[in-house]
């Protein structure tokens, strides 16, 4: 895959680094190196974040803690907290506030999942029943509200207006993206520009905020902070494009959700947009009907059209372009194992199958 090759080449070309410059208090032998996975470097930090999440889920209302614990215990990739931790570490930050803010971005993300599953009427996420399927729609919506408000309580504790503004703006943009996506449902005329606006609001914006917060915590200059934000946005965009590709090419067991969910819900994603552009008149007519009606009655035909028109390859190329944008931004970060881990994380996300 071209995007993976780009990242691997970037890692080979990165200059050697002097750990004593970035971590003056650490001896050479104590500076971590990338091992089996990029997240190995921050394993201890992620445990601290999990502890923070667990303690902040406390509520005197049992159902709040029960629903919150259910969806968070499902695991997931914890990508947004990991991005914040890796970025802050790459820039030499040791501020323990990073654990709280990593928990904040995970709470915001989890709240969006709870609300998304209600809106989409989803029944399966990460290989098990969604919270709305198990506890009902009202509980899922209200616990999502609890997680949003708890996240804002936690960010206020930081006392940092920059931090609060970044997270407040991101949360607002995410909500706008959700509404924009709702308006685009079953719209066969949706084009790539409108699609990208939605995913950069709905998905990529929290990636962007997570990486930017890492730079803010490290007290980085404006160009570095901007580079981190661009890296996060590009990575989040590529992540969502690949996610949309997998909805037509992935395995339901590996993905932990039903294949074809996007079409069933009336979501028009990049593979469908490209297939509409490249298909014959008969194929476009079939796709238009499938999009406008929704459901999965035409799923097999749609998958066939998406594959035969080369829409999956074109969509993956779009993800590759975002990967290159992320690489260009990461080039401004100091060379060290954490920066390399960010690039390796990008490679893993782009080649994932779930």
C-alpha atoms as a PDB file:
ATOM      1  CA  UNK A   1       0.000   0.000   0.000  1.00  0.00           C
ATOM      2  CA  UNK A   2       1.482   3.328  -1.077  1.00  0.00           C
ATOM      3  CA  UNK A   3       0.716   5.162   2.154  1.00  0.00           C
ATOM      4  CA  UNK A   4       2.484   2.498   4.228  1.00  0.00           C
ATOM      5  CA  UNK A   5       5.546   2.725   1.982  1.00  0.00           C
ATOM      6  CA  UNK A   6       5.595   6.512   2.412  1.00  0.00           C
ATOM      7  CA  UNK A   7       5.634   6.192   6.193  1.00  0.00           C
ATOM      8  CA  UNK A   8       8.240   3.436   6.199  1.00  0.00           C
ATOM      9  CA  UNK A   9      10.485   5.550   3.959  1.00  0.00           C
ATOM     10  CA  UNK A  10      10.056   8.521   6.270  1.00  0.00           C
ATOM     11  CA  UNK A  11      11.134   6.429   9.244  1.00  0.00           C
ATOM     12  CA  UNK A  12      14.252   5.254   7.397  1.00  0.00           C
ATOM     13  CA  UNK A  13      15.169   8.813   6.458  1.00  0.00           C
ATOM     14  CA  UNK A  14      14.725  10.339   9.922  1.00  0.00           C
ATOM     15  CA  UNK A  15      18.040  11.566  11.375  1.00  0.00           C
ATOM     16  CA  UNK A  16      19.557  10.106  14.481  1.00  0.00           C
ATOM     17  CA  UNK A  17      18.663  11.946  17.657  1.00  0.00           C
ATOM     18  CA  UNK A  18      20.438  13.020  20.816  1.00  0.00           C
ATOM     19  CA  UNK A  19      18.287  11.888  23.747  1.00  0.00           C
ATOM     20  CA  UNK A  20      20.101  14.139  26.202  1.00  0.00           C
ATOM     21  CA  UNK A  21      18.839  17.200  24.312  1.00  0.00           C
ATOM     22  CA  UNK A  22      15.182  16.252  24.578  1.00  0.00           C
ATOM     23  CA  UNK A  23      15.354  14.383  27.881  1.00  0.00           C
ATOM     24  CA  UNK A  24      18.253  16.001  29.781  1.00  0.00           C
ATOM     25  CA  UNK A  25      17.317  14.279  33.029  1.00  0.00           C
ATOM     26  CA  UNK A  26      17.487  10.784  31.507  1.00  0.00           C
ATOM     27  CA  UNK A  27      20.527   8.650  30.865  1.00  0.00           C
ATOM     28  CA  UNK A  28      20.907   7.221  27.353  1.00  0.00           C
ATOM     29  CA  UNK A  29      20.073   3.718  28.553  1.00  0.00           C
ATOM     30  CA  UNK A  30      16.736   4.835  30.022  1.00  0.00           C
ATOM     31  CA  UNK A  31      15.333   6.482  26.895  1.00  0.00           C
ATOM     32  CA  UNK A  32      12.616   4.187  25.503  1.00  0.00           C
ATOM     33  CA  UNK A  33      12.725   2.879  21.949  1.00  0.00           C
ATOM     34  CA  UNK A  34       9.935   1.666  19.701  1.00  0.00           C
ATOM     35  CA  UNK A  35       9.414  -2.056  20.231  1.00  0.00           C
ATOM     36  CA  UNK A  36       6.554  -4.338  19.203  1.00  0.00           C
ATOM     37  CA  UNK A  37       3.957  -1.606  18.757  1.00  0.00           C
ATOM     38  CA  UNK A  38       4.040   2.185  18.918  1.00  0.00           C
ATOM     39  CA  UNK A  39       1.822   2.096  21.997  1.00  0.00           C
ATOM     40  CA  UNK A  40       4.389   0.094  23.980  1.00  0.00           C
ATOM     41  CA  UNK A  41       6.206   3.357  24.631  1.00  0.00           C
ATOM     42  CA  UNK A  42       3.246   4.805  26.495  1.00  0.00           C
ATOM     43  CA  UNK A  43       1.905   1.637  28.134  1.00  0.00           C
ATOM     44  CA  UNK A  44       2.467   3.003  31.653  1.00  0.00           C
ATOM     45  CA  UNK A  45       0.909   6.332  30.696  1.00  0.00           C
ATOM     46  CA  UNK A  46      -2.143   4.603  29.256  1.00  0.00           C
ATOM     47  CA  UNK A  47      -2.592   2.732  32.540  1.00  0.00           C
ATOM     48  CA  UNK A  48      -2.591   6.097  34.301  1.00  0.00           C
ATOM     49  CA  UNK A  49      -5.231   7.331  31.864  1.00  0.00           C
ATOM     50  CA  UNK A  50      -7.356   4.227  32.446  1.00  0.00           C
ATOM     51  CA  UNK A  51      -7.130   4.842  36.189  1.00  0.00           C
ATOM     52  CA  UNK A  52      -8.250   8.446  35.630  1.00  0.00           C
ATOM     53  CA  UNK A  53     -11.161   7.282  33.476  1.00  0.00           C
ATOM     54  CA  UNK A  54     -12.259   4.767  36.078  1.00  0.00           C
ATOM     55  CA  UNK A  55     -12.214   7.265  38.948  1.00  0.00           C
ATOM     56  CA  UNK A  56     -14.025   9.960  36.936  1.00  0.00           C
ATOM     57  CA  UNK A  57     -16.843   7.612  35.932  1.00  0.00           C
ATOM     58  CA  UNK A  58     -18.086   7.633  39.519  1.00  0.00           C
ATOM     59  CA  UNK A  59     -21.660   8.761  39.962  1.00  0.00           C
ATOM     60  CA  UNK A  60     -24.185   8.374  42.745  1.00  0.00           C
ATOM     61  CA  UNK A  61     -26.667   7.337  40.055  1.00  0.00           C
ATOM     62  CA  UNK A  62     -25.877   3.639  39.440  1.00  0.00           C
ATOM     63  CA  UNK A  63     -27.091   3.565  35.825  1.00  0.00           C
ATOM     64  CA  UNK A  64     -24.687   6.344  34.850  1.00  0.00           C
ATOM     65  CA  UNK A  65     -21.667   4.392  36.032  1.00  0.00           C
ATOM     66  CA  UNK A  66     -23.064   1.145  34.629  1.00  0.00           C
ATOM     67  CA  UNK A  67     -23.621   2.417  31.091  1.00  0.00           C
ATOM     68  CA  UNK A  68     -20.399   4.448  31.077  1.00  0.00           C
ATOM     69  CA  UNK A  69     -18.358   1.496  32.305  1.00  0.00           C
ATOM     70  CA  UNK A  70     -20.000  -0.800  29.751  1.00  0.00           C
ATOM     71  CA  UNK A  71     -19.022   1.186  26.691  1.00  0.00           C
ATOM     72  CA  UNK A  72     -15.563   2.182  27.960  1.00  0.00           C
ATOM     73  CA  UNK A  73     -14.763  -1.374  29.064  1.00  0.00           C
ATOM     74  CA  UNK A  74     -15.357  -2.490  25.470  1.00  0.00           C
ATOM     75  CA  UNK A  75     -11.812  -1.343  24.914  1.00  0.00           C
ATOM     76  CA  UNK A  76     -11.326   0.116  21.484  1.00  0.00           C
ATOM     77  CA  UNK A  77      -8.108   1.568  20.199  1.00  0.00           C
ATOM     78  CA  UNK A  78      -7.912   4.560  22.593  1.00  0.00           C
ATOM     79  CA  UNK A  79      -6.392   6.402  19.624  1.00  0.00           C
ATOM     80  CA  UNK A  80      -7.136   9.932  20.727  1.00  0.00           C
ATOM     81  CA  UNK A  81      -5.607   9.583  24.213  1.00  0.00           C
ATOM     82  CA  UNK A  82      -2.642   7.775  22.657  1.00  0.00           C
ATOM     83  CA  UNK A  83      -2.156  10.587  20.154  1.00  0.00           C
ATOM     84  CA  UNK A  84      -2.132  13.178  22.934  1.00  0.00           C
ATOM     85  CA  UNK A  85       0.340  11.142  25.008  1.00  0.00           C
ATOM     86  CA  UNK A  86       2.699  10.395  22.115  1.00  0.00           C
ATOM     87  CA  UNK A  87       2.685  13.983  20.884  1.00  0.00           C
ATOM     88  CA  UNK A  88       3.338  15.447  24.313  1.00  0.00           C
ATOM     89  CA  UNK A  89       6.136  12.922  24.935  1.00  0.00           C
ATOM     90  CA  UNK A  90       7.686  13.632  21.531  1.00  0.00           C
ATOM     91  CA  UNK A  91       7.934  17.269  22.601  1.00  0.00           C
ATOM     92  CA  UNK A  92       9.408  16.499  26.012  1.00  0.00           C
ATOM     93  CA  UNK A  93       6.326  17.136  28.174  1.00  0.00           C
ATOM     94  CA  UNK A  94       6.182  15.541  31.633  1.00  0.00           C
ATOM     95  CA  UNK A  95       3.142  17.467  32.914  1.00  0.00           C
ATOM     96  CA  UNK A  96       0.787  14.996  34.636  1.00  0.00           C
ATOM     97  CA  UNK A  97      -2.154  17.042  33.357  1.00  0.00           C
ATOM     98  CA  UNK A  98      -1.708  15.011  30.176  1.00  0.00           C
ATOM     99  CA  UNK A  99      -3.401  12.038  31.866  1.00  0.00           C
ATOM    100  CA  UNK A 100      -6.483  14.077  32.750  1.00  0.00           C
ATOM    101  CA  UNK A 101      -6.755  15.586  29.278  1.00  0.00           C
ATOM    102  CA  UNK A 102      -6.264  12.191  27.650  1.00  0.00           C
ATOM    103  CA  UNK A 103      -9.224  10.966  29.716  1.00  0.00           C
ATOM    104  CA  UNK A 104     -11.190  14.052  28.654  1.00  0.00           C
ATOM    105  CA  UNK A 105     -10.784  13.334  24.940  1.00  0.00           C
ATOM    106  CA  UNK A 106     -11.762   9.710  25.517  1.00  0.00           C
ATOM    107  CA  UNK A 107     -14.906  10.820  27.378  1.00  0.00           C
ATOM    108  CA  UNK A 108     -15.832  13.185  24.547  1.00  0.00           C
ATOM    109  CA  UNK A 109     -15.262  10.420  22.010  1.00  0.00           C
ATOM    110  CA  UNK A 110     -17.284   7.920  24.044  1.00  0.00           C
ATOM    111  CA  UNK A 111     -20.159  10.387  24.364  1.00  0.00           C
ATOM    112  CA  UNK A 112     -20.260  10.756  20.576  1.00  0.00           C
ATOM    113  CA  UNK A 113     -20.358   6.961  20.210  1.00  0.00           C
ATOM    114  CA  UNK A 114     -23.327   6.694  22.559  1.00  0.00           C
ATOM    115  CA  UNK A 115     -25.218   9.373  20.649  1.00  0.00           C
ATOM    116  CA  UNK A 116     -24.162   8.024  17.230  1.00  0.00           C
ATOM    117  CA  UNK A 117     -25.445   4.545  17.969  1.00  0.00           C
ATOM    118  CA  UNK A 118     -28.825   5.929  18.993  1.00  0.00           C
ATOM    119  CA  UNK A 119     -29.109   8.099  15.870  1.00  0.00           C
ATOM    120  CA  UNK A 120     -27.930   5.258  13.615  1.00  0.00           C
ATOM    121  CA  UNK A 121     -29.977   2.626  15.458  1.00  0.00           C
ATOM    122  CA  UNK A 122     -26.821   0.507  15.640  1.00  0.00           C
ATOM    123  CA  UNK A 123     -26.933  -2.845  17.402  1.00  0.00           C
ATOM    124  CA  UNK A 124     -23.285  -3.924  17.293  1.00  0.00           C
ATOM    125  CA  UNK A 125     -20.047  -2.140  18.175  1.00  0.00           C
ATOM    126  CA  UNK A 126     -16.627  -3.655  18.902  1.00  0.00           C
ATOM    127  CA  UNK A 127     -18.105  -7.107  18.606  1.00  0.00           C
ATOM    128  CA  UNK A 128     -20.840  -6.776  21.212  1.00  0.00           C
ATOM    129  CA  UNK A 129     -24.258  -5.197  21.697  1.00  0.00           C
ATOM    130  CA  UNK A 130     -24.311  -1.406  21.683  1.00  0.00           C
ATOM    131  CA  UNK A 131     -25.297   0.409  24.867  1.00  0.00           C
ATOM    132  CA  UNK A 132     -28.587   1.520  23.320  1.00  0.00           C
ATOM    133  CA  UNK A 133     -29.367  -2.077  22.395  1.00  0.00           C
ATOM    134  CA  UNK A 134     -28.692  -3.195  25.960  1.00  0.00           C
ATOM    135  CA  UNK A 135     -29.891  -0.268  28.071  1.00  0.00           C
ATOM    136  CA  UNK A 136     -32.232   1.555  25.711  1.00  0.00           C
ATOM    137  CA  UNK A 137     -32.016   4.850  23.831  1.00  0.00           C
ATOM    138  CA  UNK A 138     -32.903   7.217  26.703  1.00  0.00           C
ATOM    139  CA  UNK A 139     -30.169   5.846  28.975  1.00  0.00           C
ATOM    140  CA  UNK A 140     -27.569   6.013  26.190  1.00  0.00           C
ATOM    141  CA  UNK A 141     -28.374   9.620  25.302  1.00  0.00           C
ATOM    142  CA  UNK A 142     -28.418  10.798  28.903  1.00  0.00           C
ATOM    143  CA  UNK A 143     -25.216   8.991  29.864  1.00  0.00           C
ATOM    144  CA  UNK A 144     -23.614  10.516  26.776  1.00  0.00           C
ATOM    145  CA  UNK A 145     -24.663  13.905  28.153  1.00  0.00           C
ATOM    146  CA  UNK A 146     -23.111  12.964  31.499  1.00  0.00           C
ATOM    147  CA  UNK A 147     -19.805  12.111  29.833  1.00  0.00           C
ATOM    148  CA  UNK A 148     -19.780  15.429  27.957  1.00  0.00           C
ATOM    149  CA  UNK A 149     -20.453  17.397  31.131  1.00  0.00           C
ATOM    150  CA  UNK A 150     -17.920  15.385  33.138  1.00  0.00           C
ATOM    151  CA  UNK A 151     -15.326  16.072  30.432  1.00  0.00           C
ATOM    152  CA  UNK A 152     -15.991  19.801  30.760  1.00  0.00           C
ATOM    153  CA  UNK A 153     -15.669  19.613  34.542  1.00  0.00           C
ATOM    154  CA  UNK A 154     -12.275  17.983  34.093  1.00  0.00           C
ATOM    155  CA  UNK A 155     -11.005  20.451  31.500  1.00  0.00           C
ATOM    156  CA  UNK A 156     -12.008  23.390  33.713  1.00  0.00           C
ATOM    157  CA  UNK A 157      -9.816  21.917  36.454  1.00  0.00           C
ATOM    158  CA  UNK A 158      -6.805  22.529  34.223  1.00  0.00           C
ATOM    159  CA  UNK A 159      -7.273  26.283  34.680  1.00  0.00           C
ATOM    160  CA  UNK A 160      -5.787  26.767  31.214  1.00  0.00           C
ATOM    161  CA  UNK A 161      -7.963  28.858  28.906  1.00  0.00           C
ATOM    162  CA  UNK A 162      -6.112  27.608  25.791  1.00  0.00           C
ATOM    163  CA  UNK A 163      -6.880  24.018  26.730  1.00  0.00           C
ATOM    164  CA  UNK A 164     -10.517  24.818  27.418  1.00  0.00           C
ATOM    165  CA  UNK A 165     -10.913  26.731  24.152  1.00  0.00           C
ATOM    166  CA  UNK A 166      -9.391  23.942  22.045  1.00  0.00           C
ATOM    167  CA  UNK A 167     -11.612  21.291  23.596  1.00  0.00           C
ATOM    168  CA  UNK A 168     -14.767  23.436  23.653  1.00  0.00           C
ATOM    169  CA  UNK A 169     -14.301  24.391  20.002  1.00  0.00           C
ATOM    170  CA  UNK A 170     -13.613  20.795  19.035  1.00  0.00           C
ATOM    171  CA  UNK A 171     -16.737  19.545  20.819  1.00  0.00           C
ATOM    172  CA  UNK A 172     -18.865  22.167  19.104  1.00  0.00           C
ATOM    173  CA  UNK A 173     -17.463  21.354  15.663  1.00  0.00           C
ATOM    174  CA  UNK A 174     -18.043  17.634  16.257  1.00  0.00           C
ATOM    175  CA  UNK A 175     -21.700  18.353  17.051  1.00  0.00           C
ATOM    176  CA  UNK A 176     -21.990  20.407  13.867  1.00  0.00           C
ATOM    177  CA  UNK A 177     -20.463  17.536  11.922  1.00  0.00           C
ATOM    178  CA  UNK A 178     -23.017  15.141  13.378  1.00  0.00           C
ATOM    179  CA  UNK A 179     -25.875  17.392  12.299  1.00  0.00           C
ATOM    180  CA  UNK A 180     -24.346  17.894   8.840  1.00  0.00           C
ATOM    181  CA  UNK A 181     -24.084  14.131   8.422  1.00  0.00           C
ATOM    182  CA  UNK A 182     -27.713  13.756   9.433  1.00  0.00           C
ATOM    183  CA  UNK A 183     -28.700  16.299   6.764  1.00  0.00           C
ATOM    184  CA  UNK A 184     -26.685  14.359   4.164  1.00  0.00           C
ATOM    185  CA  UNK A 185     -28.430  11.049   4.837  1.00  0.00           C
ATOM    186  CA  UNK A 186     -29.851   9.385   1.724  1.00  0.00           C
ATOM    187  CA  UNK A 187     -28.502  12.218  -0.459  1.00  0.00           C
ATOM    188  CA  UNK A 188     -27.144  10.610  -3.632  1.00  0.00           C
ATOM    189  CA  UNK A 189     -25.867  14.001  -4.853  1.00  0.00           C
ATOM    190  CA  UNK A 190     -23.313  14.329  -2.016  1.00  0.00           C
ATOM    191  CA  UNK A 191     -19.879  15.177  -3.423  1.00  0.00           C
ATOM    192  CA  UNK A 192     -16.369  14.600  -2.092  1.00  0.00           C
ATOM    193  CA  UNK A 193     -15.944  18.165  -0.784  1.00  0.00           C
ATOM    194  CA  UNK A 194     -19.071  17.949   1.392  1.00  0.00           C
ATOM    195  CA  UNK A 195     -18.100  14.450   2.534  1.00  0.00           C
ATOM    196  CA  UNK A 196     -14.648  15.671   3.614  1.00  0.00           C
ATOM    197  CA  UNK A 197     -16.163  18.617   5.490  1.00  0.00           C
ATOM    198  CA  UNK A 198     -18.254  16.202   7.514  1.00  0.00           C
ATOM    199  CA  UNK A 199     -15.502  13.739   8.419  1.00  0.00           C
ATOM    200  CA  UNK A 200     -13.040  16.518   9.241  1.00  0.00           C
ATOM    201  CA  UNK A 201     -15.630  17.882  11.649  1.00  0.00           C
ATOM    202  CA  UNK A 202     -17.115  14.674  12.981  1.00  0.00           C
ATOM    203  CA  UNK A 203     -14.010  12.467  13.219  1.00  0.00           C
ATOM    204  CA  UNK A 204     -10.778  14.296  12.463  1.00  0.00           C
ATOM    205  CA  UNK A 205     -11.407  17.293  14.724  1.00  0.00           C
ATOM    206  CA  UNK A 206     -10.883  15.321  17.958  1.00  0.00           C
ATOM    207  CA  UNK A 207      -7.705  13.756  16.516  1.00  0.00           C
ATOM    208  CA  UNK A 208      -6.566  17.289  15.701  1.00  0.00           C
ATOM    209  CA  UNK A 209      -7.386  18.600  19.178  1.00  0.00           C
ATOM    210  CA  UNK A 210      -5.635  15.647  20.844  1.00  0.00           C
ATOM    211  CA  UNK A 211      -2.370  16.214  18.982  1.00  0.00           C
ATOM    212  CA  UNK A 212      -2.585  19.989  19.426  1.00  0.00           C
ATOM    213  CA  UNK A 213      -3.100  19.604  23.175  1.00  0.00           C
ATOM    214  CA  UNK A 214       0.109  17.591  23.374  1.00  0.00           C
ATOM    215  CA  UNK A 215       1.973  20.565  21.929  1.00  0.00           C
ATOM    216  CA  UNK A 216       0.179  23.037  24.203  1.00  0.00           C
ATOM    217  CA  UNK A 217       1.098  21.024  27.297  1.00  0.00           C
ATOM    218  CA  UNK A 218       4.717  20.965  26.132  1.00  0.00           C
ATOM    219  CA  UNK A 219       4.735  24.752  25.715  1.00  0.00           C
ATOM    220  CA  UNK A 220       5.719  24.388  22.074  1.00  0.00           C
ATOM    221  CA  UNK A 221       6.037  27.384  19.731  1.00  0.00           C
ATOM    222  CA  UNK A 222       3.191  28.150  17.335  1.00  0.00           C
ATOM    223  CA  UNK A 223       4.709  26.404  14.255  1.00  0.00           C
ATOM    224  CA  UNK A 224       5.112  23.138  16.174  1.00  0.00           C
ATOM    225  CA  UNK A 225       1.624  23.387  17.649  1.00  0.00           C
ATOM    226  CA  UNK A 226       0.241  23.958  14.158  1.00  0.00           C
ATOM    227  CA  UNK A 227       2.215  20.988  12.796  1.00  0.00           C
ATOM    228  CA  UNK A 228       0.771  18.742  15.509  1.00  0.00           C
ATOM    229  CA  UNK A 229      -2.752  19.918  14.737  1.00  0.00           C
ATOM    230  CA  UNK A 230      -2.248  19.259  11.022  1.00  0.00           C
ATOM    231  CA  UNK A 231      -0.799  15.814  11.768  1.00  0.00           C
ATOM    232  CA  UNK A 232      -3.835  14.955  13.895  1.00  0.00           C
ATOM    233  CA  UNK A 233      -6.337  16.228  11.352  1.00  0.00           C
ATOM    234  CA  UNK A 234      -4.672  14.368   8.477  1.00  0.00           C
ATOM    235  CA  UNK A 235      -4.415  11.172  10.510  1.00  0.00           C
ATOM    236  CA  UNK A 236      -8.052  11.420  11.592  1.00  0.00           C
ATOM    237  CA  UNK A 237      -9.210  12.031   8.027  1.00  0.00           C
ATOM    238  CA  UNK A 238      -7.231   9.057   6.718  1.00  0.00           C
ATOM    239  CA  UNK A 239      -8.566   6.912   9.564  1.00  0.00           C
ATOM    240  CA  UNK A 240     -12.186   7.708   8.655  1.00  0.00           C
ATOM    241  CA  UNK A 241     -11.641   7.156   4.926  1.00  0.00           C
ATOM    242  CA  UNK A 242     -10.169   3.714   5.640  1.00  0.00           C
ATOM    243  CA  UNK A 243     -13.064   3.022   8.010  1.00  0.00           C
ATOM    244  CA  UNK A 244     -15.475   3.832   5.183  1.00  0.00           C
ATOM    245  CA  UNK A 245     -13.557   1.544   2.824  1.00  0.00           C
ATOM    246  CA  UNK A 246     -13.734  -1.307   5.327  1.00  0.00           C
ATOM    247  CA  UNK A 247     -17.513  -0.961   5.494  1.00  0.00           C
ATOM    248  CA  UNK A 248     -17.577  -2.384   1.953  1.00  0.00           C
ATOM    249  CA  UNK A 249     -14.503  -4.612   2.027  1.00  0.00           C
ATOM    250  CA  UNK A 250     -13.923  -5.693   5.627  1.00  0.00           C
ATOM    251  CA  UNK A 251     -14.949  -8.751   7.578  1.00  0.00           C
ATOM    252  CA  UNK A 252     -17.730  -8.216  10.112  1.00  0.00           C
ATOM    253  CA  UNK A 253     -16.075 -10.494  12.667  1.00  0.00           C
ATOM    254  CA  UNK A 254     -12.777  -8.636  12.490  1.00  0.00           C
ATOM    255  CA  UNK A 255     -14.414  -5.203  12.443  1.00  0.00           C
ATOM    256  CA  UNK A 256     -16.714  -5.950  15.365  1.00  0.00           C
ATOM    257  CA  UNK A 257     -19.634  -4.349  13.545  1.00  0.00           C
ATOM    258  CA  UNK A 258     -21.924  -5.224  10.665  1.00  0.00           C
ATOM    259  CA  UNK A 259     -20.586  -4.758   7.148  1.00  0.00           C
ATOM    260  CA  UNK A 260     -22.724  -2.401   5.102  1.00  0.00           C
ATOM    261  CA  UNK A 261     -23.892  -0.382   8.101  1.00  0.00           C
ATOM    262  CA  UNK A 262     -23.230   2.889   6.260  1.00  0.00           C
ATOM    263  CA  UNK A 263     -25.505   1.990   3.356  1.00  0.00           C
ATOM    264  CA  UNK A 264     -28.126   0.582   5.716  1.00  0.00           C
ATOM    265  CA  UNK A 265     -28.226   3.918   7.537  1.00  0.00           C
ATOM    266  CA  UNK A 266     -28.231   5.970   4.335  1.00  0.00           C
ATOM    267  CA  UNK A 267     -24.711   7.361   4.810  1.00  0.00           C
ATOM    268  CA  UNK A 268     -22.967   8.369   1.600  1.00  0.00           C
ATOM    269  CA  UNK A 269     -19.233   7.814   2.009  1.00  0.00           C
ATOM    270  CA  UNK A 270     -16.271   8.160  -0.347  1.00  0.00           C
ATOM    271  CA  UNK A 271     -16.495   4.662  -1.906  1.00  0.00           C
ATOM    272  CA  UNK A 272     -20.093   5.390  -2.954  1.00  0.00           C
ATOM    273  CA  UNK A 273     -19.252   8.896  -4.180  1.00  0.00           C
ATOM    274  CA  UNK A 274     -16.422   7.561  -6.354  1.00  0.00           C
ATOM    275  CA  UNK A 275     -18.533   4.674  -7.633  1.00  0.00           C
ATOM    276  CA  UNK A 276     -21.257   7.153  -8.629  1.00  0.00           C
ATOM    277  CA  UNK A 277     -18.662   9.149 -10.576  1.00  0.00           C
ATOM    278  CA  UNK A 278     -17.038   6.183 -12.322  1.00  0.00           C
ATOM    279  CA  UNK A 279     -19.983   3.844 -12.856  1.00  0.00           C
ATOM    280  CA  UNK A 280     -22.186   3.341 -15.900  1.00  0.00           C
ATOM    281  CA  UNK A 281     -25.612   4.924 -16.080  1.00  0.00           C
ATOM    282  CA  UNK A 282     -27.184   1.648 -14.947  1.00  0.00           C
ATOM    283  CA  UNK A 283     -24.745   1.379 -12.037  1.00  0.00           C
ATOM    284  CA  UNK A 284     -25.375   4.974 -10.986  1.00  0.00           C
ATOM    285  CA  UNK A 285     -29.112   4.357 -11.084  1.00  0.00           C
ATOM    286  CA  UNK A 286     -28.728   1.258  -8.881  1.00  0.00           C
ATOM    287  CA  UNK A 287     -26.539   3.141  -6.406  1.00  0.00           C
ATOM    288  CA  UNK A 288     -28.917   6.092  -6.305  1.00  0.00           C
ATOM    289  CA  UNK A 289     -31.841   3.832  -5.465  1.00  0.00           C
ATOM    290  CA  UNK A 290     -29.845   2.015  -2.777  1.00  0.00           C
ATOM    291  CA  UNK A 291     -28.763   5.293  -1.164  1.00  0.00           C
ATOM    292  CA  UNK A 292     -32.215   6.858  -1.207  1.00  0.00           C
ATOM    293  CA  UNK A 293     -33.983   3.768   0.109  1.00  0.00           C
ATOM    294  CA  UNK A 294     -31.322   2.558   2.552  1.00  0.00           C
ATOM    295  CA  UNK A 295     -31.453  -0.836   4.190  1.00  0.00           C
ATOM    296  CA  UNK A 296     -29.318  -3.774   3.116  1.00  0.00           C
ATOM    297  CA  UNK A 297     -31.528  -5.343   0.463  1.00  0.00           C
ATOM    298  CA  UNK A 298     -29.189  -4.084  -2.260  1.00  0.00           C
ATOM    299  CA  UNK A 299     -25.933  -4.449  -0.315  1.00  0.00           C
ATOM    300  CA  UNK A 300     -24.492  -7.263  -2.458  1.00  0.00           C
ATOM    301  CA  UNK A 301     -25.110  -5.299  -5.671  1.00  0.00           C
ATOM    302  CA  UNK A 302     -23.635  -2.119  -4.183  1.00  0.00           C
ATOM    303  CA  UNK A 303     -20.496  -3.936  -3.000  1.00  0.00           C
ATOM    304  CA  UNK A 304     -20.067  -5.404  -6.472  1.00  0.00           C
ATOM    305  CA  UNK A 305     -20.372  -1.968  -8.109  1.00  0.00           C
ATOM    306  CA  UNK A 306     -18.005  -0.349  -5.608  1.00  0.00           C
ATOM    307  CA  UNK A 307     -15.407  -3.024  -6.348  1.00  0.00           C
ATOM    308  CA  UNK A 308     -15.766  -3.139 -10.139  1.00  0.00           C
ATOM    309  CA  UNK A 309     -15.561   0.648 -10.515  1.00  0.00           C
ATOM    310  CA  UNK A 310     -12.270   0.774  -8.589  1.00  0.00           C
ATOM    311  CA  UNK A 311     -13.840   2.979  -5.936  1.00  0.00           C
ATOM    312  CA  UNK A 312     -12.049   1.214  -3.089  1.00  0.00           C
ATOM    313  CA  UNK A 313      -8.641   1.796  -4.669  1.00  0.00           C
ATOM    314  CA  UNK A 314      -9.429   5.456  -5.331  1.00  0.00           C
ATOM    315  CA  UNK A 315     -10.586   5.871  -1.730  1.00  0.00           C
ATOM    316  CA  UNK A 316      -7.424   4.269  -0.402  1.00  0.00           C
ATOM    317  CA  UNK A 317      -5.427   6.667  -2.558  1.00  0.00           C
ATOM    318  CA  UNK A 318      -7.277   9.533  -0.880  1.00  0.00           C
ATOM    319  CA  UNK A 319      -6.156   8.103   2.468  1.00  0.00           C
ATOM    320  CA  UNK A 320      -2.601   7.964   1.097  1.00  0.00           C
ATOM    321  CA  UNK A 321      -2.765  11.658   0.275  1.00  0.00           C
ATOM    322  CA  UNK A 322      -3.769  12.391   3.856  1.00  0.00           C
ATOM    323  CA  UNK A 323      -0.915  10.179   5.054  1.00  0.00           C
ATOM    324  CA  UNK A 324       1.519  12.288   3.042  1.00  0.00           C
ATOM    325  CA  UNK A 325       0.075  15.432   4.611  1.00  0.00           C
ATOM    326  CA  UNK A 326       0.622  13.898   8.050  1.00  0.00           C
ATOM    327  CA  UNK A 327       4.214  12.998   7.144  1.00  0.00           C
ATOM    328  CA  UNK A 328       4.944  16.526   6.003  1.00  0.00           C
ATOM    329  CA  UNK A 329       3.667  17.882   9.322  1.00  0.00           C
ATOM    330  CA  UNK A 330       5.571  15.313  11.399  1.00  0.00           C
ATOM    331  CA  UNK A 331       8.819  16.339   9.720  1.00  0.00           C
ATOM    332  CA  UNK A 332       8.836  19.428  11.982  1.00  0.00           C
ATOM    333  CA  UNK A 333       8.807  17.357  15.174  1.00  0.00           C
ATOM    334  CA  UNK A 334      12.091  16.496  16.917  1.00  0.00           C
ATOM    335  CA  UNK A 335      13.537  13.085  15.966  1.00  0.00           C
ATOM    336  CA  UNK A 336      13.037  10.649  18.843  1.00  0.00           C
ATOM    337  CA  UNK A 337      11.298   7.322  19.508  1.00  0.00           C
ATOM    338  CA  UNK A 338       7.960   8.992  20.257  1.00  0.00           C
ATOM    339  CA  UNK A 339       7.884  10.817  16.928  1.00  0.00           C
ATOM    340  CA  UNK A 340       8.785   7.563  15.182  1.00  0.00           C
ATOM    341  CA  UNK A 341       5.963   5.888  17.091  1.00  0.00           C
ATOM    342  CA  UNK A 342       3.524   8.490  15.760  1.00  0.00           C
ATOM    343  CA  UNK A 343       4.534   7.576  12.216  1.00  0.00           C
ATOM    344  CA  UNK A 344       4.292   3.867  12.932  1.00  0.00           C
ATOM    345  CA  UNK A 345       0.866   4.399  14.474  1.00  0.00           C
ATOM    346  CA  UNK A 346      -0.208   6.115  11.265  1.00  0.00           C
ATOM    347  CA  UNK A 347       1.011   3.132   9.240  1.00  0.00           C
ATOM    348  CA  UNK A 348      -0.871   0.671  11.417  1.00  0.00           C
ATOM    349  CA  UNK A 349      -4.102   2.651  11.176  1.00  0.00           C
ATOM    350  CA  UNK A 350      -3.904   2.796   7.405  1.00  0.00           C
ATOM    351  CA  UNK A 351      -3.311  -0.933   6.957  1.00  0.00           C
ATOM    352  CA  UNK A 352      -5.810  -2.051   9.570  1.00  0.00           C
ATOM    353  CA  UNK A 353      -8.653  -4.454   8.874  1.00  0.00           C
ATOM    354  CA  UNK A 354     -10.868  -3.506  11.813  1.00  0.00           C
END
